[in-house]
Amino acid sequence: GEERIHAAYPGATWDRLAEVKARYDPTNLFHL
């Protein structure tokens, strides 16, 4: 679940990753 993924990427790390994800994979092709 998502809560545990947030545990792997807490706080500012998650926010920055989500921004990079939007830049390079905006449609979430790589979701597996």
PDB file of all heavy atoms in Angstrom:
ATOM      1  N   GLY A   1       0.797  -1.214   0.000  1.00  0.00           N
ATOM      2  CA  GLY A   1       0.000   0.000   0.000  1.00  0.00           C
ATOM      3  C   GLY A   1       0.832   1.267   0.000  1.00  0.00           C
ATOM      4  O   GLY A   1       2.042   1.268   0.251  1.00  0.00           O
ATOM      5  N   GLU A   2       0.136   2.370  -0.278  1.00  0.00           N
ATOM      6  CA  GLU A   2       0.824   3.653  -0.472  1.00  0.00           C
ATOM      7  C   GLU A   2       1.501   4.158   0.793  1.00  0.00           C
ATOM      8  O   GLU A   2       2.552   4.788   0.732  1.00  0.00           O
ATOM      9  CB  GLU A   2      -0.174   4.704  -0.980  1.00  0.00           C
ATOM     10  CG  GLU A   2       0.502   6.008  -1.372  1.00  0.00           C
ATOM     11  CD  GLU A   2      -0.424   6.958  -2.110  1.00  0.00           C
ATOM     12  OE1 GLU A   2      -1.239   6.476  -2.925  1.00  0.00           O
ATOM     13  OE2 GLU A   2      -0.331   8.167  -1.858  1.00  0.00           O
ATOM     14  N   GLU A   3       0.919   3.864   1.952  1.00  0.00           N
ATOM     15  CA  GLU A   3       1.526   4.334   3.199  1.00  0.00           C
ATOM     16  C   GLU A   3       2.937   3.794   3.363  1.00  0.00           C
ATOM     17  O   GLU A   3       3.847   4.511   3.793  1.00  0.00           O
ATOM     18  CB  GLU A   3       0.666   3.910   4.392  1.00  0.00           C
ATOM     19  CG  GLU A   3       1.184   4.416   5.729  1.00  0.00           C
ATOM     20  CD  GLU A   3       0.310   4.009   6.904  1.00  0.00           C
ATOM     21  OE1 GLU A   3      -0.821   3.542   6.650  1.00  0.00           O
ATOM     22  OE2 GLU A   3       0.760   4.151   8.055  1.00  0.00           O
ATOM     23  N   ARG A   4       3.147   2.548   2.983  1.00  0.00           N
ATOM     24  CA  ARG A   4       4.482   1.953   3.108  1.00  0.00           C
ATOM     25  C   ARG A   4       5.435   2.506   2.054  1.00  0.00           C
ATOM     26  O   ARG A   4       6.635   2.618   2.292  1.00  0.00           O
ATOM     27  CB  ARG A   4       4.364   0.435   3.002  1.00  0.00           C
ATOM     28  CG  ARG A   4       3.696  -0.185   4.214  1.00  0.00           C
ATOM     29  CD  ARG A   4       4.651  -0.249   5.384  1.00  0.00           C
ATOM     30  NE  ARG A   4       5.634  -1.310   5.192  1.00  0.00           N
ATOM     31  CZ  ARG A   4       6.796  -1.380   5.816  1.00  0.00           C
ATOM     32  NH1 ARG A   4       7.148  -0.437   6.674  1.00  0.00           N
ATOM     33  NH2 ARG A   4       7.613  -2.382   5.589  1.00  0.00           N
ATOM     34  N   ILE A   5       4.915   2.852   0.874  1.00  0.00           N
ATOM     35  CA  ILE A   5       5.780   3.488  -0.128  1.00  0.00           C
ATOM     36  C   ILE A   5       6.224   4.849   0.389  1.00  0.00           C
ATOM     37  O   ILE A   5       7.386   5.259   0.207  1.00  0.00           O
ATOM     38  CB  ILE A   5       5.063   3.604  -1.484  1.00  0.00           C
ATOM     39  CG1 ILE A   5       4.571   2.233  -1.957  1.00  0.00           C
ATOM     40  CG2 ILE A   5       6.014   4.201  -2.530  1.00  0.00           C
ATOM     41  CD1 ILE A   5       3.741   2.273  -3.224  1.00  0.00           C
ATOM     42  N   HIS A   6       5.312   5.564   1.053  1.00  0.00           N
ATOM     43  CA  HIS A   6       5.688   6.843   1.668  1.00  0.00           C
ATOM     44  C   HIS A   6       6.739   6.635   2.761  1.00  0.00           C
ATOM     45  O   HIS A   6       7.573   7.517   2.995  1.00  0.00           O
ATOM     46  CB  HIS A   6       4.452   7.538   2.246  1.00  0.00           C
ATOM     47  CG  HIS A   6       3.690   8.350   1.244  1.00  0.00           C
ATOM     48  ND1 HIS A   6       4.024   9.646   0.927  1.00  0.00           N
ATOM     49  CD2 HIS A   6       2.626   8.039   0.470  1.00  0.00           C
ATOM     50  CE1 HIS A   6       3.183  10.119   0.017  1.00  0.00           C
ATOM     51  NE2 HIS A   6       2.333   9.157  -0.285  1.00  0.00           N
ATOM     52  N   ALA A   7       6.697   5.495   3.434  1.00  0.00           N
ATOM     53  CA  ALA A   7       7.722   5.208   4.443  1.00  0.00           C
ATOM     54  C   ALA A   7       9.086   5.045   3.793  1.00  0.00           C
ATOM     55  O   ALA A   7      10.120   5.386   4.386  1.00  0.00           O
ATOM     56  CB  ALA A   7       7.349   3.945   5.226  1.00  0.00           C
ATOM     57  N   ALA A   8       9.101   4.515   2.568  1.00  0.00           N
ATOM     58  CA  ALA A   8      10.370   4.393   1.834  1.00  0.00           C
ATOM     59  C   ALA A   8      10.849   5.747   1.333  1.00  0.00           C
ATOM     60  O   ALA A   8      12.058   5.988   1.233  1.00  0.00           O
ATOM     61  CB  ALA A   8      10.201   3.424   0.665  1.00  0.00           C
ATOM     62  N   TYR A   9       9.893   6.624   1.009  1.00  0.00           N
ATOM     63  CA  TYR A   9      10.217   7.957   0.455  1.00  0.00           C
ATOM     64  C   TYR A   9       9.518   9.025   1.277  1.00  0.00           C
ATOM     65  O   TYR A   9       8.515   9.595   0.853  1.00  0.00           O
ATOM     66  CB  TYR A   9       9.767   8.038  -1.003  1.00  0.00           C
ATOM     67  CG  TYR A   9      10.349   6.968  -1.895  1.00  0.00           C
ATOM     68  CD1 TYR A   9       9.518   6.081  -2.573  1.00  0.00           C
ATOM     69  CD2 TYR A   9      11.720   6.849  -2.055  1.00  0.00           C
ATOM     70  CE1 TYR A   9      10.049   5.101  -3.402  1.00  0.00           C
ATOM     71  CE2 TYR A   9      12.259   5.865  -2.873  1.00  0.00           C
ATOM     72  CZ  TYR A   9      11.420   4.994  -3.540  1.00  0.00           C
ATOM     73  OH  TYR A   9      11.949   4.026  -4.350  1.00  0.00           O
ATOM     74  N   PRO A  10      10.020   9.321   2.463  1.00  0.00           N
ATOM     75  CA  PRO A  10       9.305  10.238   3.353  1.00  0.00           C
ATOM     76  C   PRO A  10       9.463  11.708   2.959  1.00  0.00           C
ATOM     77  O   PRO A  10      10.449  12.116   2.349  1.00  0.00           O
ATOM     78  CB  PRO A  10       9.977   9.977   4.704  1.00  0.00           C
ATOM     79  CG  PRO A  10      11.370   9.540   4.358  1.00  0.00           C
ATOM     80  CD  PRO A  10      11.228   8.755   3.086  1.00  0.00           C
ATOM     81  N   GLY A  11       8.441  12.485   3.324  1.00  0.00           N
ATOM     82  CA  GLY A  11       8.520  13.942   3.277  1.00  0.00           C
ATOM     83  C   GLY A  11       8.964  14.538   1.969  1.00  0.00           C
ATOM     84  O   GLY A  11       8.383  14.306   0.900  1.00  0.00           O
ATOM     85  N   ALA A  12      10.029  15.331   2.044  1.00  0.00           N
ATOM     86  CA  ALA A  12      10.527  16.068   0.883  1.00  0.00           C
ATOM     87  C   ALA A  12      11.008  15.135  -0.221  1.00  0.00           C
ATOM     88  O   ALA A  12      10.957  15.495  -1.406  1.00  0.00           O
ATOM     89  CB  ALA A  12      11.656  17.008   1.309  1.00  0.00           C
ATOM     90  N   THR A  13      11.458  13.950   0.142  1.00  0.00           N
ATOM     91  CA  THR A  13      11.896  12.994  -0.881  1.00  0.00           C
ATOM     92  C   THR A  13      10.727  12.609  -1.782  1.00  0.00           C
ATOM     93  O   THR A  13      10.850  12.585  -3.010  1.00  0.00           O
ATOM     94  CB  THR A  13      12.493  11.732  -0.226  1.00  0.00           C
ATOM     95  OG1 THR A  13      13.614  12.105   0.584  1.00  0.00           O
ATOM     96  CG2 THR A  13      12.943  10.736  -1.269  1.00  0.00           C
ATOM     97  N   TRP A  14       9.579  12.314  -1.188  1.00  0.00           N
ATOM     98  CA  TRP A  14       8.385  11.972  -1.971  1.00  0.00           C
ATOM     99  C   TRP A  14       7.985  13.132  -2.883  1.00  0.00           C
ATOM    100  O   TRP A  14       7.700  12.934  -4.068  1.00  0.00           O
ATOM    101  CB  TRP A  14       7.235  11.611  -1.037  1.00  0.00           C
ATOM    102  CG  TRP A  14       5.961  11.318  -1.775  1.00  0.00           C
ATOM    103  CD1 TRP A  14       5.019  12.225  -2.189  1.00  0.00           C
ATOM    104  CD2 TRP A  14       5.514  10.039  -2.233  1.00  0.00           C
ATOM    105  NE1 TRP A  14       3.998  11.587  -2.849  1.00  0.00           N
ATOM    106  CE2 TRP A  14       4.277  10.247  -2.893  1.00  0.00           C
ATOM    107  CE3 TRP A  14       6.017   8.743  -2.131  1.00  0.00           C
ATOM    108  CZ2 TRP A  14       3.543   9.200  -3.452  1.00  0.00           C
ATOM    109  CZ3 TRP A  14       5.288   7.708  -2.690  1.00  0.00           C
ATOM    110  CH2 TRP A  14       4.084   7.940  -3.335  1.00  0.00           C
ATOM    111  N   ASP A  15       7.958  14.324  -2.335  1.00  0.00           N
ATOM    112  CA  ASP A  15       7.527  15.492  -3.114  1.00  0.00           C
ATOM    113  C   ASP A  15       8.433  15.705  -4.320  1.00  0.00           C
ATOM    114  O   ASP A  15       7.959  15.966  -5.438  1.00  0.00           O
ATOM    115  CB  ASP A  15       7.532  16.744  -2.237  1.00  0.00           C
ATOM    116  CG  ASP A  15       6.512  16.669  -1.114  1.00  0.00           C
ATOM    117  OD1 ASP A  15       5.564  15.864  -1.225  1.00  0.00           O
ATOM    118  OD2 ASP A  15       6.682  17.395  -0.110  1.00  0.00           O
ATOM    119  N   ARG A  16       9.719  15.585  -4.105  1.00  0.00           N
ATOM    120  CA  ARG A  16      10.667  15.790  -5.217  1.00  0.00           C
ATOM    121  C   ARG A  16      10.550  14.673  -6.253  1.00  0.00           C
ATOM    122  O   ARG A  16      10.580  14.933  -7.460  1.00  0.00           O
ATOM    123  CB  ARG A  16      12.087  15.872  -4.662  1.00  0.00           C
ATOM    124  CG  ARG A  16      13.134  16.240  -5.710  1.00  0.00           C
ATOM    125  CD  ARG A  16      14.489  16.463  -5.058  1.00  0.00           C
ATOM    126  NE  ARG A  16      15.529  16.680  -6.062  1.00  0.00           N
ATOM    127  CZ  ARG A  16      16.826  16.794  -5.786  1.00  0.00           C
ATOM    128  NH1 ARG A  16      17.240  16.741  -4.520  1.00  0.00           N
ATOM    129  NH2 ARG A  16      17.708  16.980  -6.751  1.00  0.00           N
ATOM    130  N   LEU A  17      10.382  13.447  -5.798  1.00  0.00           N
ATOM    131  CA  LEU A  17      10.217  12.331  -6.729  1.00  0.00           C
ATOM    132  C   LEU A  17       8.949  12.494  -7.573  1.00  0.00           C
ATOM    133  O   LEU A  17       8.948  12.208  -8.775  1.00  0.00           O
ATOM    134  CB  LEU A  17      10.162  11.003  -5.968  1.00  0.00           C
ATOM    135  CG  LEU A  17      11.493  10.464  -5.433  1.00  0.00           C
ATOM    136  CD1 LEU A  17      11.263   9.317  -4.466  1.00  0.00           C
ATOM    137  CD2 LEU A  17      12.417  10.045  -6.566  1.00  0.00           C
ATOM    138  N   ALA A  18       7.870  12.948  -6.952  1.00  0.00           N
ATOM    139  CA  ALA A  18       6.615  13.133  -7.685  1.00  0.00           C
ATOM    140  C   ALA A  18       6.772  14.199  -8.771  1.00  0.00           C
ATOM    141  O   ALA A  18       6.191  14.081  -9.860  1.00  0.00           O
ATOM    142  CB  ALA A  18       5.499  13.519  -6.714  1.00  0.00           C
ATOM    143  N   GLU A  19       7.554  15.224  -8.505  1.00  0.00           N
ATOM    144  CA  GLU A  19       7.794  16.265  -9.506  1.00  0.00           C
ATOM    145  C   GLU A  19       8.624  15.723 -10.668  1.00  0.00           C
ATOM    146  O   GLU A  19       8.338  16.004 -11.839  1.00  0.00           O
ATOM    147  CB  GLU A  19       8.506  17.456  -8.861  1.00  0.00           C
ATOM    148  CG  GLU A  19       7.637  18.228  -7.879  1.00  0.00           C
ATOM    149  CD  GLU A  19       8.408  19.318  -7.167  1.00  0.00           C
ATOM    150  OE1 GLU A  19       9.581  19.574  -7.551  1.00  0.00           O
ATOM    151  OE2 GLU A  19       7.860  19.916  -6.218  1.00  0.00           O
ATOM    152  N   VAL A  20       9.654  14.936 -10.350  1.00  0.00           N
ATOM    153  CA  VAL A  20      10.469  14.336 -11.416  1.00  0.00           C
ATOM    154  C   VAL A  20       9.636  13.349 -12.222  1.00  0.00           C
ATOM    155  O   VAL A  20       9.734  13.284 -13.448  1.00  0.00           O
ATOM    156  CB  VAL A  20      11.724  13.660 -10.827  1.00  0.00           C
ATOM    157  CG1 VAL A  20      12.544  12.996 -11.927  1.00  0.00           C
ATOM    158  CG2 VAL A  20      12.585  14.673 -10.071  1.00  0.00           C
ATOM    159  N   LYS A  21       8.791  12.601 -11.538  1.00  0.00           N
ATOM    160  CA  LYS A  21       7.902  11.653 -12.211  1.00  0.00           C
ATOM    161  C   LYS A  21       7.002  12.389 -13.203  1.00  0.00           C
ATOM    162  O   LYS A  21       6.817  11.955 -14.349  1.00  0.00           O
ATOM    163  CB  LYS A  21       7.060  10.920 -11.168  1.00  0.00           C
ATOM    164  CG  LYS A  21       6.036   9.935 -11.745  1.00  0.00           C
ATOM    165  CD  LYS A  21       6.659   8.650 -12.228  1.00  0.00           C
ATOM    166  CE  LYS A  21       5.586   7.617 -12.526  1.00  0.00           C
ATOM    167  NZ  LYS A  21       6.146   6.352 -13.016  1.00  0.00           N
ATOM    168  N   ALA A  22       6.443  13.511 -12.805  1.00  0.00           N
ATOM    169  CA  ALA A  22       5.560  14.288 -13.679  1.00  0.00           C
ATOM    170  C   ALA A  22       6.306  14.802 -14.902  1.00  0.00           C
ATOM    171  O   ALA A  22       5.729  14.937 -15.989  1.00  0.00           O
ATOM    172  CB  ALA A  22       4.961  15.455 -12.899  1.00  0.00           C
ATOM    173  N   ARG A  23       7.581  15.067 -14.743  1.00  0.00           N
ATOM    174  CA  ARG A  23       8.385  15.597 -15.846  1.00  0.00           C
ATOM    175  C   ARG A  23       8.717  14.511 -16.869  1.00  0.00           C
ATOM    176  O   ARG A  23       8.681  14.759 -18.081  1.00  0.00           O
ATOM    177  CB  ARG A  23       9.668  16.207 -15.272  1.00  0.00           C
ATOM    178  CG  ARG A  23      10.401  17.169 -16.193  1.00  0.00           C
ATOM    179  CD  ARG A  23      11.484  17.914 -15.423  1.00  0.00           C
ATOM    180  NE  ARG A  23      10.909  18.648 -14.304  1.00  0.00           N
ATOM    181  CZ  ARG A  23      11.383  18.635 -13.060  1.00  0.00           C
ATOM    182  NH1 ARG A  23      12.454  17.922 -12.773  1.00  0.00           N
ATOM    183  NH2 ARG A  23      10.796  19.313 -12.109  1.00  0.00           N
ATOM    184  N   TYR A  24       9.036  13.313 -16.401  1.00  0.00           N
ATOM    185  CA  TYR A  24       9.534  12.273 -17.303  1.00  0.00           C
ATOM    186  C   TYR A  24       8.527  11.159 -17.594  1.00  0.00           C
ATOM    187  O   TYR A  24       8.701  10.424 -18.556  1.00  0.00           O
ATOM    188  CB  TYR A  24      10.829  11.675 -16.747  1.00  0.00           C
ATOM    189  CG  TYR A  24      11.972  12.653 -16.763  1.00  0.00           C
ATOM    190  CD1 TYR A  24      12.303  13.385 -15.620  1.00  0.00           C
ATOM    191  CD2 TYR A  24      12.709  12.881 -17.919  1.00  0.00           C
ATOM    192  CE1 TYR A  24      13.348  14.301 -15.629  1.00  0.00           C
ATOM    193  CE2 TYR A  24      13.759  13.795 -17.941  1.00  0.00           C
ATOM    194  CZ  TYR A  24      14.063  14.501 -16.795  1.00  0.00           C
ATOM    195  OH  TYR A  24      15.102  15.411 -16.818  1.00  0.00           O
ATOM    196  N   ASP A  25       7.508  11.026 -16.761  1.00  0.00           N
ATOM    197  CA  ASP A  25       6.495   9.985 -16.989  1.00  0.00           C
ATOM    198  C   ASP A  25       5.130  10.503 -16.531  1.00  0.00           C
ATOM    199  O   ASP A  25       4.526   9.967 -15.595  1.00  0.00           O
ATOM    200  CB  ASP A  25       6.867   8.706 -16.238  1.00  0.00           C
ATOM    201  CG  ASP A  25       5.925   7.538 -16.546  1.00  0.00           C
ATOM    202  OD1 ASP A  25       5.191   7.620 -17.555  1.00  0.00           O
ATOM    203  OD2 ASP A  25       5.922   6.564 -15.772  1.00  0.00           O
ATOM    204  N   PRO A  26       4.614  11.522 -17.189  1.00  0.00           N
ATOM    205  CA  PRO A  26       3.378  12.163 -16.725  1.00  0.00           C
ATOM    206  C   PRO A  26       2.147  11.267 -16.777  1.00  0.00           C
ATOM    207  O   PRO A  26       1.187  11.490 -16.035  1.00  0.00           O
ATOM    208  CB  PRO A  26       3.233  13.374 -17.664  1.00  0.00           C
ATOM    209  CG  PRO A  26       4.025  13.012 -18.883  1.00  0.00           C
ATOM    210  CD  PRO A  26       5.169  12.186 -18.387  1.00  0.00           C
ATOM    211  N   THR A  27       2.146  10.238 -17.627  1.00  0.00           N
ATOM    212  CA  THR A  27       0.991   9.335 -17.714  1.00  0.00           C
ATOM    213  C   THR A  27       1.161   8.077 -16.870  1.00  0.00           C
ATOM    214  O   THR A  27       0.313   7.191 -16.887  1.00  0.00           O
ATOM    215  CB  THR A  27       0.720   8.932 -19.175  1.00  0.00           C
ATOM    216  OG1 THR A  27       1.831   8.156 -19.661  1.00  0.00           O
ATOM    217  CG2 THR A  27       0.528  10.165 -20.053  1.00  0.00           C
ATOM    218  N   ASN A  28       2.276   7.994 -16.134  1.00  0.00           N
ATOM    219  CA  ASN A  28       2.552   6.845 -15.260  1.00  0.00           C
ATOM    220  C   ASN A  28       2.626   5.536 -16.041  1.00  0.00           C
ATOM    221  O   ASN A  28       2.104   4.504 -15.613  1.00  0.00           O
ATOM    222  CB  ASN A  28       1.512   6.742 -14.144  1.00  0.00           C
ATOM    223  CG  ASN A  28       2.046   6.043 -12.894  1.00  0.00           C
ATOM    224  OD1 ASN A  28       3.248   5.796 -12.779  1.00  0.00           O
ATOM    225  ND2 ASN A  28       1.165   5.739 -11.964  1.00  0.00           N
ATOM    226  N   LEU A  29       3.288   5.585 -17.195  1.00  0.00           N
ATOM    227  CA  LEU A  29       3.519   4.360 -17.964  1.00  0.00           C
ATOM    228  C   LEU A  29       4.255   3.331 -17.111  1.00  0.00           C
ATOM    229  O   LEU A  29       3.942   2.146 -17.120  1.00  0.00           O
ATOM    230  CB  LEU A  29       4.331   4.685 -19.224  1.00  0.00           C
ATOM    231  CG  LEU A  29       4.722   3.495 -20.107  1.00  0.00           C
ATOM    232  CD1 LEU A  29       3.493   2.927 -20.799  1.00  0.00           C
ATOM    233  CD2 LEU A  29       5.774   3.903 -21.147  1.00  0.00           C
ATOM    234  N   PHE A  30       5.251   3.802 -16.376  1.00  0.00           N
ATOM    235  CA  PHE A  30       6.043   2.920 -15.512  1.00  0.00           C
ATOM    236  C   PHE A  30       5.395   2.894 -14.124  1.00  0.00           C
ATOM    237  O   PHE A  30       5.797   3.623 -13.221  1.00  0.00           O
ATOM    238  CB  PHE A  30       7.490   3.398 -15.436  1.00  0.00           C
ATOM    239  CG  PHE A  30       8.178   3.451 -16.768  1.00  0.00           C
ATOM    240  CD1 PHE A  30       8.452   4.672 -17.369  1.00  0.00           C
ATOM    241  CD2 PHE A  30       8.526   2.289 -17.441  1.00  0.00           C
ATOM    242  CE1 PHE A  30       9.078   4.729 -18.611  1.00  0.00           C
ATOM    243  CE2 PHE A  30       9.147   2.340 -18.683  1.00  0.00           C
ATOM    244  CZ  PHE A  30       9.424   3.557 -19.264  1.00  0.00           C
ATOM    245  N   HIS A  31       4.368   2.072 -13.979  1.00  0.00           N
ATOM    246  CA  HIS A  31       3.658   2.005 -12.696  1.00  0.00           C
ATOM    247  C   HIS A  31       3.763   0.645 -12.031  1.00  0.00           C
ATOM    248  O   HIS A  31       3.350   0.499 -10.874  1.00  0.00           O
ATOM    249  CB  HIS A  31       2.178   2.371 -12.875  1.00  0.00           C
ATOM    250  CG  HIS A  31       1.421   1.423 -13.747  1.00  0.00           C
ATOM    251  ND1 HIS A  31       1.258   1.633 -15.098  1.00  0.00           N
ATOM    252  CD2 HIS A  31       0.788   0.245 -13.467  1.00  0.00           C
ATOM    253  CE1 HIS A  31       0.552   0.643 -15.618  1.00  0.00           C
ATOM    254  NE2 HIS A  31       0.262  -0.222 -14.655  1.00  0.00           N
ATOM    255  N   LEU A  32       4.311  -0.362 -12.717  1.00  0.00           N
ATOM    256  CA  LEU A  32       4.524  -1.649 -12.059  1.00  0.00           C
ATOM    257  C   LEU A  32       5.819  -1.562 -11.258  1.00  0.00           C
ATOM    258  O   LEU A  32       6.894  -1.982 -11.691  1.00  0.00           O
ATOM    259  CB  LEU A  32       4.587  -2.784 -13.085  1.00  0.00           C
ATOM    260  CG  LEU A  32       3.276  -3.521 -13.345  1.00  0.00           C
ATOM    261  CD1 LEU A  32       3.511  -4.722 -14.252  1.00  0.00           C
ATOM    262  CD2 LEU A  32       2.610  -3.975 -12.048  1.00  0.00           C
TER     263      LEU A  32
END
